[in-house]
Amino acid sequence: MESDIFLFGLTLEEFESISLKVGFTVLILYMLFIIGNLAKESKAGKYGAMWMFIGLGLGFVGFVSKALIQKFMGIE
């Protein structure tokens, strides 16, 4: 315990875990903004924008669902 590295009052493992979750959350929100802006610029309409969010958003939906499944099953 004496050799633990502390950063902002957290151990390195705790800091990395929090940073990863916050970083991915910000990245996903930014990707949602980009998809919304792309739908607006292309004048896709409501139906087209819906399909853009579904098609382009499936990548991070899988990532988020993986994390939720791990949490519910206690695998973390």
PDB file of N, CA and C in Angstrom:
ATOM      1  N   MET A   1       0.811  -1.202   0.000  1.00  0.00           N
ATOM      2  CA  MET A   1       0.000   0.000   0.000  1.00  0.00           C
ATOM      3  C   MET A   1       0.853   1.265   0.000  1.00  0.00           C
ATOM      4  N   GLU A   2       2.037   1.190   0.544  1.00  0.00           N
ATOM      5  CA  GLU A   2       2.887   2.371   0.616  1.00  0.00           C
ATOM      6  C   GLU A   2       3.346   2.815  -0.773  1.00  0.00           C
ATOM      7  N   SER A   3       3.424   1.887  -1.740  1.00  0.00           N
ATOM      8  CA  SER A   3       3.946   2.227  -3.054  1.00  0.00           C
ATOM      9  C   SER A   3       2.860   2.624  -4.053  1.00  0.00           C
ATOM     10  N   ASP A   4       1.599   2.776  -3.598  1.00  0.00           N
ATOM     11  CA  ASP A   4       0.528   3.194  -4.502  1.00  0.00           C
ATOM     12  C   ASP A   4       0.781   4.598  -5.017  1.00  0.00           C
ATOM     13  N   ILE A   5       0.499   4.793  -6.278  1.00  0.00           N
ATOM     14  CA  ILE A   5       0.648   6.105  -6.898  1.00  0.00           C
ATOM     15  C   ILE A   5      -0.680   6.840  -6.763  1.00  0.00           C
ATOM     16  N   PHE A   6      -0.641   8.051  -6.207  1.00  0.00           N
ATOM     17  CA  PHE A   6      -1.856   8.832  -6.017  1.00  0.00           C
ATOM     18  C   PHE A   6      -1.868  10.006  -6.985  1.00  0.00           C
ATOM     19  N   LEU A   7      -3.028  10.224  -7.591  1.00  0.00           N
ATOM     20  CA  LEU A   7      -3.215  11.312  -8.523  1.00  0.00           C
ATOM     21  C   LEU A   7      -4.553  11.947  -8.197  1.00  0.00           C
ATOM     22  N   PHE A   8      -4.560  13.196  -7.794  1.00  0.00           N
ATOM     23  CA  PHE A   8      -5.768  13.903  -7.368  1.00  0.00           C
ATOM     24  C   PHE A   8      -6.462  13.169  -6.220  1.00  0.00           C
ATOM     25  N   GLY A   9      -5.700  12.571  -5.338  1.00  0.00           N
ATOM     26  CA  GLY A   9      -6.262  11.877  -4.183  1.00  0.00           C
ATOM     27  C   GLY A   9      -6.797  10.486  -4.486  1.00  0.00           C
ATOM     28  N   LEU A  10      -6.606  10.004  -5.699  1.00  0.00           N
ATOM     29  CA  LEU A  10      -7.073   8.680  -6.101  1.00  0.00           C
ATOM     30  C   LEU A  10      -5.883   7.812  -6.466  1.00  0.00           C
ATOM     31  N   THR A  11      -6.049   6.502  -6.337  1.00  0.00           N
ATOM     32  CA  THR A  11      -5.009   5.619  -6.839  1.00  0.00           C
ATOM     33  C   THR A  11      -5.033   5.663  -8.354  1.00  0.00           C
ATOM     34  N   LEU A  12      -3.989   5.194  -8.957  1.00  0.00           N
ATOM     35  CA  LEU A  12      -3.894   5.233 -10.415  1.00  0.00           C
ATOM     36  C   LEU A  12      -5.015   4.432 -11.060  1.00  0.00           C
ATOM     37  N   GLU A  13      -5.359   3.282 -10.487  1.00  0.00           N
ATOM     38  CA  GLU A  13      -6.433   2.451 -11.036  1.00  0.00           C
ATOM     39  C   GLU A  13      -7.790   3.150 -10.965  1.00  0.00           C
ATOM     40  N   GLU A  14      -8.078   3.802  -9.841  1.00  0.00           N
ATOM     41  CA  GLU A  14      -9.346   4.537  -9.705  1.00  0.00           C
ATOM     42  C   GLU A  14      -9.408   5.710 -10.684  1.00  0.00           C
ATOM     43  N   PHE A  15      -8.299   6.438 -10.812  1.00  0.00           N
ATOM     44  CA  PHE A  15      -8.251   7.573 -11.728  1.00  0.00           C
ATOM     45  C   PHE A  15      -8.459   7.126 -13.169  1.00  0.00           C
ATOM     46  N   GLU A  16      -7.814   6.025 -13.577  1.00  0.00           N
ATOM     47  CA  GLU A  16      -7.973   5.519 -14.944  1.00  0.00           C
ATOM     48  C   GLU A  16      -9.406   5.083 -15.210  1.00  0.00           C
ATOM     49  N   SER A  17     -10.038   4.445 -14.239  1.00  0.00           N
ATOM     50  CA  SER A  17     -11.412   3.976 -14.399  1.00  0.00           C
ATOM     51  C   SER A  17     -12.372   5.155 -14.581  1.00  0.00           C
ATOM     52  N   ILE A  18     -12.242   6.157 -13.741  1.00  0.00           N
ATOM     53  CA  ILE A  18     -13.103   7.335 -13.826  1.00  0.00           C
ATOM     54  C   ILE A  18     -12.832   8.099 -15.128  1.00  0.00           C
ATOM     55  N   SER A  19     -11.564   8.251 -15.478  1.00  0.00           N
ATOM     56  CA  SER A  19     -11.205   8.976 -16.701  1.00  0.00           C
ATOM     57  C   SER A  19     -11.746   8.276 -17.941  1.00  0.00           C
ATOM     58  N   LEU A  20     -11.702   6.953 -17.968  1.00  0.00           N
ATOM     59  CA  LEU A  20     -12.212   6.202 -19.111  1.00  0.00           C
ATOM     60  C   LEU A  20     -13.714   6.397 -19.264  1.00  0.00           C
ATOM     61  N   LYS A  21     -14.447   6.306 -18.165  1.00  0.00           N
ATOM     62  CA  LYS A  21     -15.903   6.473 -18.228  1.00  0.00           C
ATOM     63  C   LYS A  21     -16.288   7.892 -18.634  1.00  0.00           C
ATOM     64  N   VAL A  22     -15.629   8.879 -18.065  1.00  0.00           N
ATOM     65  CA  VAL A  22     -15.932  10.271 -18.402  1.00  0.00           C
ATOM     66  C   VAL A  22     -15.531  10.571 -19.845  1.00  0.00           C
ATOM     67  N   GLY A  23     -14.361  10.087 -20.240  1.00  0.00           N
ATOM     68  CA  GLY A  23     -13.887  10.337 -21.601  1.00  0.00           C
ATOM     69  C   GLY A  23     -14.794   9.726 -22.656  1.00  0.00           C
ATOM     70  N   PHE A  24     -15.224   8.484 -22.450  1.00  0.00           N
ATOM     71  CA  PHE A  24     -16.111   7.846 -23.417  1.00  0.00           C
ATOM     72  C   PHE A  24     -17.487   8.496 -23.427  1.00  0.00           C
ATOM     73  N   THR A  25     -17.959   8.945 -22.278  1.00  0.00           N
ATOM     74  CA  THR A  25     -19.248   9.636 -22.238  1.00  0.00           C
ATOM     75  C   THR A  25     -19.191  10.924 -23.051  1.00  0.00           C
ATOM     76  N   VAL A  26     -18.131  11.691 -22.874  1.00  0.00           N
ATOM     77  CA  VAL A  26     -17.970  12.933 -23.632  1.00  0.00           C
ATOM     78  C   VAL A  26     -17.839  12.632 -25.126  1.00  0.00           C
ATOM     79  N   LEU A  27     -17.099  11.591 -25.473  1.00  0.00           N
ATOM     80  CA  LEU A  27     -16.926  11.226 -26.876  1.00  0.00           C
ATOM     81  C   LEU A  27     -18.254  10.810 -27.512  1.00  0.00           C
ATOM     82  N   ILE A  28     -19.068  10.038 -26.800  1.00  0.00           N
ATOM     83  CA  ILE A  28     -20.367   9.609 -27.320  1.00  0.00           C
ATOM     84  C   ILE A  28     -21.290  10.806 -27.493  1.00  0.00           C
ATOM     85  N   LEU A  29     -21.307  11.719 -26.523  1.00  0.00           N
ATOM     86  CA  LEU A  29     -22.129  12.917 -26.665  1.00  0.00           C
ATOM     87  C   LEU A  29     -21.679  13.768 -27.856  1.00  0.00           C
ATOM     88  N   TYR A  30     -20.378  13.844 -28.074  1.00  0.00           N
ATOM     89  CA  TYR A  30     -19.863  14.596 -29.221  1.00  0.00           C
ATOM     90  C   TYR A  30     -20.264  13.917 -30.537  1.00  0.00           C
ATOM     91  N   MET A  31     -20.229  12.581 -30.570  1.00  0.00           N
ATOM     92  CA  MET A  31     -20.662  11.874 -31.774  1.00  0.00           C
ATOM     93  C   MET A  31     -22.148  12.093 -32.039  1.00  0.00           C
ATOM     94  N   LEU A  32     -22.959  12.147 -30.987  1.00  0.00           N
ATOM     95  CA  LEU A  32     -24.383  12.446 -31.168  1.00  0.00           C
ATOM     96  C   LEU A  32     -24.576  13.844 -31.738  1.00  0.00           C
ATOM     97  N   PHE A  33     -23.786  14.792 -31.265  1.00  0.00           N
ATOM     98  CA  PHE A  33     -23.839  16.148 -31.809  1.00  0.00           C
ATOM     99  C   PHE A  33     -23.469  16.160 -33.288  1.00  0.00           C
ATOM    100  N   ILE A  34     -22.434  15.415 -33.657  1.00  0.00           N
ATOM    101  CA  ILE A  34     -21.999  15.363 -35.054  1.00  0.00           C
ATOM    102  C   ILE A  34     -23.087  14.752 -35.933  1.00  0.00           C
ATOM    103  N   ILE A  35     -23.723  13.668 -35.469  1.00  0.00           N
ATOM    104  CA  ILE A  35     -24.790  13.036 -36.247  1.00  0.00           C
ATOM    105  C   ILE A  35     -25.964  13.993 -36.407  1.00  0.00           C
ATOM    106  N   GLY A  36     -26.323  14.690 -35.333  1.00  0.00           N
ATOM    107  CA  GLY A  36     -27.408  15.666 -35.415  1.00  0.00           C
ATOM    108  C   GLY A  36     -27.092  16.797 -36.361  1.00  0.00           C
ATOM    109  N   ASN A  37     -25.871  17.276 -36.317  1.00  0.00           N
ATOM    110  CA  ASN A  37     -25.453  18.347 -37.220  1.00  0.00           C
ATOM    111  C   ASN A  37     -25.445  17.859 -38.670  1.00  0.00           C
ATOM    112  N   LEU A  38     -25.009  16.632 -38.885  1.00  0.00           N
ATOM    113  CA  LEU A  38     -25.009  16.061 -40.232  1.00  0.00           C
ATOM    114  C   LEU A  38     -26.434  15.932 -40.768  1.00  0.00           C
ATOM    115  N   ALA A  39     -27.362  15.511 -39.922  1.00  0.00           N
ATOM    116  CA  ALA A  39     -28.766  15.392 -40.339  1.00  0.00           C
ATOM    117  C   ALA A  39     -29.344  16.769 -40.668  1.00  0.00           C
ATOM    118  N   LYS A  40     -28.979  17.770 -39.880  1.00  0.00           N
ATOM    119  CA  LYS A  40     -29.485  19.128 -40.120  1.00  0.00           C
ATOM    120  C   LYS A  40     -28.913  19.708 -41.414  1.00  0.00           C
ATOM    121  N   GLU A  41     -27.608  19.542 -41.618  1.00  0.00           N
ATOM    122  CA  GLU A  41     -26.956  20.100 -42.804  1.00  0.00           C
ATOM    123  C   GLU A  41     -27.434  19.427 -44.087  1.00  0.00           C
ATOM    124  N   SER A  42     -27.776  18.139 -43.999  1.00  0.00           N
ATOM    125  CA  SER A  42     -28.199  17.425 -45.203  1.00  0.00           C
ATOM    126  C   SER A  42     -29.698  17.556 -45.445  1.00  0.00           C
ATOM    127  N   LYS A  43     -30.391  18.252 -44.541  1.00  0.00           N
ATOM    128  CA  LYS A  43     -31.843  18.446 -44.646  1.00  0.00           C
ATOM    129  C   LYS A  43     -32.556  17.102 -44.791  1.00  0.00           C
ATOM    130  N   ALA A  44     -32.215  16.178 -43.903  1.00  0.00           N
ATOM    131  CA  ALA A  44     -32.726  14.818 -43.992  1.00  0.00           C
ATOM    132  C   ALA A  44     -34.176  14.711 -43.555  1.00  0.00           C
ATOM    133  N   GLY A  45     -34.687  15.639 -42.794  1.00  0.00           N
ATOM    134  CA  GLY A  45     -36.045  15.528 -42.276  1.00  0.00           C
ATOM    135  C   GLY A  45     -36.069  14.647 -41.033  1.00  0.00           C
ATOM    136  N   LYS A  46     -37.246  14.510 -40.439  1.00  0.00           N
ATOM    137  CA  LYS A  46     -37.346  13.735 -39.196  1.00  0.00           C
ATOM    138  C   LYS A  46     -37.070  12.256 -39.421  1.00  0.00           C
ATOM    139  N   TYR A  47     -37.659  11.713 -40.491  1.00  0.00           N
ATOM    140  CA  TYR A  47     -37.491  10.289 -40.763  1.00  0.00           C
ATOM    141  C   TYR A  47     -36.041   9.965 -41.146  1.00  0.00           C
ATOM    142  N   GLY A  48     -35.446  10.788 -41.970  1.00  0.00           N
ATOM    143  CA  GLY A  48     -34.054  10.583 -42.363  1.00  0.00           C
ATOM    144  C   GLY A  48     -33.097  10.748 -41.193  1.00  0.00           C
ATOM    145  N   ALA A  49     -33.386  11.736 -40.332  1.00  0.00           N
ATOM    146  CA  ALA A  49     -32.540  11.943 -39.153  1.00  0.00           C
ATOM    147  C   ALA A  49     -32.633  10.753 -38.209  1.00  0.00           C
ATOM    148  N   MET A  50     -33.832  10.185 -38.083  1.00  0.00           N
ATOM    149  CA  MET A  50     -33.995   9.015 -37.233  1.00  0.00           C
ATOM    150  C   MET A  50     -33.112   7.874 -37.731  1.00  0.00           C
ATOM    151  N   TRP A  51     -33.125   7.635 -39.045  1.00  0.00           N
ATOM    152  CA  TRP A  51     -32.317   6.551 -39.593  1.00  0.00           C
ATOM    153  C   TRP A  51     -30.832   6.854 -39.514  1.00  0.00           C
ATOM    154  N   MET A  52     -30.466   8.117 -39.579  1.00  0.00           N
ATOM    155  CA  MET A  52     -29.053   8.479 -39.422  1.00  0.00           C
ATOM    156  C   MET A  52     -28.594   8.183 -37.998  1.00  0.00           C
ATOM    157  N   PHE A  53     -29.434   8.530 -37.016  1.00  0.00           N
ATOM    158  CA  PHE A  53     -29.072   8.236 -35.630  1.00  0.00           C
ATOM    159  C   PHE A  53     -29.016   6.732 -35.384  1.00  0.00           C
ATOM    160  N   ILE A  54     -29.944   5.985 -35.969  1.00  0.00           N
ATOM    161  CA  ILE A  54     -29.934   4.531 -35.789  1.00  0.00           C
ATOM    162  C   ILE A  54     -28.714   3.921 -36.466  1.00  0.00           C
ATOM    163  N   GLY A  55     -28.489   4.268 -37.719  1.00  0.00           N
ATOM    164  CA  GLY A  55     -27.392   3.672 -38.474  1.00  0.00           C
ATOM    165  C   GLY A  55     -26.017   4.046 -37.959  1.00  0.00           C
ATOM    166  N   LEU A  56     -25.814   5.314 -37.693  1.00  0.00           N
ATOM    167  CA  LEU A  56     -24.497   5.770 -37.259  1.00  0.00           C
ATOM    168  C   LEU A  56     -24.283   5.583 -35.763  1.00  0.00           C
ATOM    169  N   GLY A  57     -25.367   5.446 -35.006  1.00  0.00           N
ATOM    170  CA  GLY A  57     -25.237   5.317 -33.567  1.00  0.00           C
ATOM    171  C   GLY A  57     -25.146   3.895 -33.058  1.00  0.00           C
ATOM    172  N   LEU A  58     -25.286   2.903 -33.931  1.00  0.00           N
ATOM    173  CA  LEU A  58     -25.251   1.521 -33.471  1.00  0.00           C
ATOM    174  C   LEU A  58     -23.907   1.123 -32.866  1.00  0.00           C
ATOM    175  N   GLY A  59     -22.834   1.748 -33.300  1.00  0.00           N
ATOM    176  CA  GLY A  59     -21.513   1.408 -32.776  1.00  0.00           C
ATOM    177  C   GLY A  59     -21.389   1.662 -31.293  1.00  0.00           C
ATOM    178  N   PHE A  60     -21.776   2.837 -30.851  1.00  0.00           N
ATOM    179  CA  PHE A  60     -21.638   3.099 -29.424  1.00  0.00           C
ATOM    180  C   PHE A  60     -22.796   2.541 -28.614  1.00  0.00           C
ATOM    181  N   VAL A  61     -23.913   2.212 -29.258  1.00  0.00           N
ATOM    182  CA  VAL A  61     -24.994   1.532 -28.535  1.00  0.00           C
ATOM    183  C   VAL A  61     -24.508   0.163 -28.078  1.00  0.00           C
ATOM    184  N   GLY A  62     -23.764  -0.522 -28.932  1.00  0.00           N
ATOM    185  CA  GLY A  62     -23.184  -1.815 -28.554  1.00  0.00           C
ATOM    186  C   GLY A  62     -22.205  -1.678 -27.407  1.00  0.00           C
ATOM    187  N   PHE A  63     -21.388  -0.630 -27.429  1.00  0.00           N
ATOM    188  CA  PHE A  63     -20.416  -0.418 -26.358  1.00  0.00           C
ATOM    189  C   PHE A  63     -21.116  -0.160 -25.025  1.00  0.00           C
ATOM    190  N   VAL A  64     -22.159   0.684 -25.042  1.00  0.00           N
ATOM    191  CA  VAL A  64     -22.889   1.007 -23.813  1.00  0.00           C
ATOM    192  C   VAL A  64     -23.638  -0.215 -23.306  1.00  0.00           C
ATOM    193  N   SER A  65     -24.255  -0.986 -24.204  1.00  0.00           N
ATOM    194  CA  SER A  65     -25.001  -2.164 -23.769  1.00  0.00           C
ATOM    195  C   SER A  65     -24.065  -3.209 -23.179  1.00  0.00           C
ATOM    196  N   LYS A  66     -22.854  -3.328 -23.711  1.00  0.00           N
ATOM    197  CA  LYS A  66     -21.872  -4.255 -23.141  1.00  0.00           C
ATOM    198  C   LYS A  66     -21.560  -3.887 -21.686  1.00  0.00           C
ATOM    199  N   ALA A  67     -21.374  -2.601 -21.439  1.00  0.00           N
ATOM    200  CA  ALA A  67     -21.076  -2.148 -20.076  1.00  0.00           C
ATOM    201  C   ALA A  67     -22.254  -2.404 -19.142  1.00  0.00           C
ATOM    202  N   LEU A  68     -23.482  -2.169 -19.636  1.00  0.00           N
ATOM    203  CA  LEU A  68     -24.663  -2.410 -18.801  1.00  0.00           C
ATOM    204  C   LEU A  68     -24.846  -3.892 -18.495  1.00  0.00           C
ATOM    205  N   ILE A  69     -24.626  -4.747 -19.481  1.00  0.00           N
ATOM    206  CA  ILE A  69     -24.749  -6.191 -19.260  1.00  0.00           C
ATOM    207  C   ILE A  69     -23.719  -6.654 -18.244  1.00  0.00           C
ATOM    208  N   GLN A  70     -22.490  -6.164 -18.343  1.00  0.00           N
ATOM    209  CA  GLN A  70     -21.457  -6.522 -17.376  1.00  0.00           C
ATOM    210  C   GLN A  70     -21.845  -6.075 -15.976  1.00  0.00           C
ATOM    211  N   LYS A  71     -22.418  -4.890 -15.855  1.00  0.00           N
ATOM    212  CA  LYS A  71     -22.804  -4.367 -14.538  1.00  0.00           C
ATOM    213  C   LYS A  71     -23.918  -5.197 -13.934  1.00  0.00           C
ATOM    214  N   PHE A  72     -24.956  -5.536 -14.748  1.00  0.00           N
ATOM    215  CA  PHE A  72     -26.088  -6.309 -14.234  1.00  0.00           C
ATOM    216  C   PHE A  72     -25.676  -7.731 -13.869  1.00  0.00           C
ATOM    217  N   MET A  73     -24.711  -8.301 -14.589  1.00  0.00           N
ATOM    218  CA  MET A  73     -24.274  -9.668 -14.299  1.00  0.00           C
ATOM    219  C   MET A  73     -23.188  -9.714 -13.230  1.00  0.00           C
ATOM    220  N   GLY A  74     -22.674  -8.556 -12.855  1.00  0.00           N
ATOM    221  CA  GLY A  74     -21.643  -8.497 -11.817  1.00  0.00           C
ATOM    222  C   GLY A  74     -20.276  -8.954 -12.304  1.00  0.00           C
ATOM    223  N   ILE A  75     -19.990  -8.784 -13.562  1.00  0.00           N
ATOM    224  CA  ILE A  75     -18.730  -9.241 -14.149  1.00  0.00           C
ATOM    225  C   ILE A  75     -17.626  -8.208 -13.964  1.00  0.00           C
ATOM    226  N   GLU A  76     -17.961  -6.965 -13.786  1.00  0.00           N
ATOM    227  CA  GLU A  76     -16.968  -5.890 -13.698  1.00  0.00           C
ATOM    228  C   GLU A  76     -15.813  -6.363 -12.924  1.00  0.00           C
TER     229      GLU A  76
END
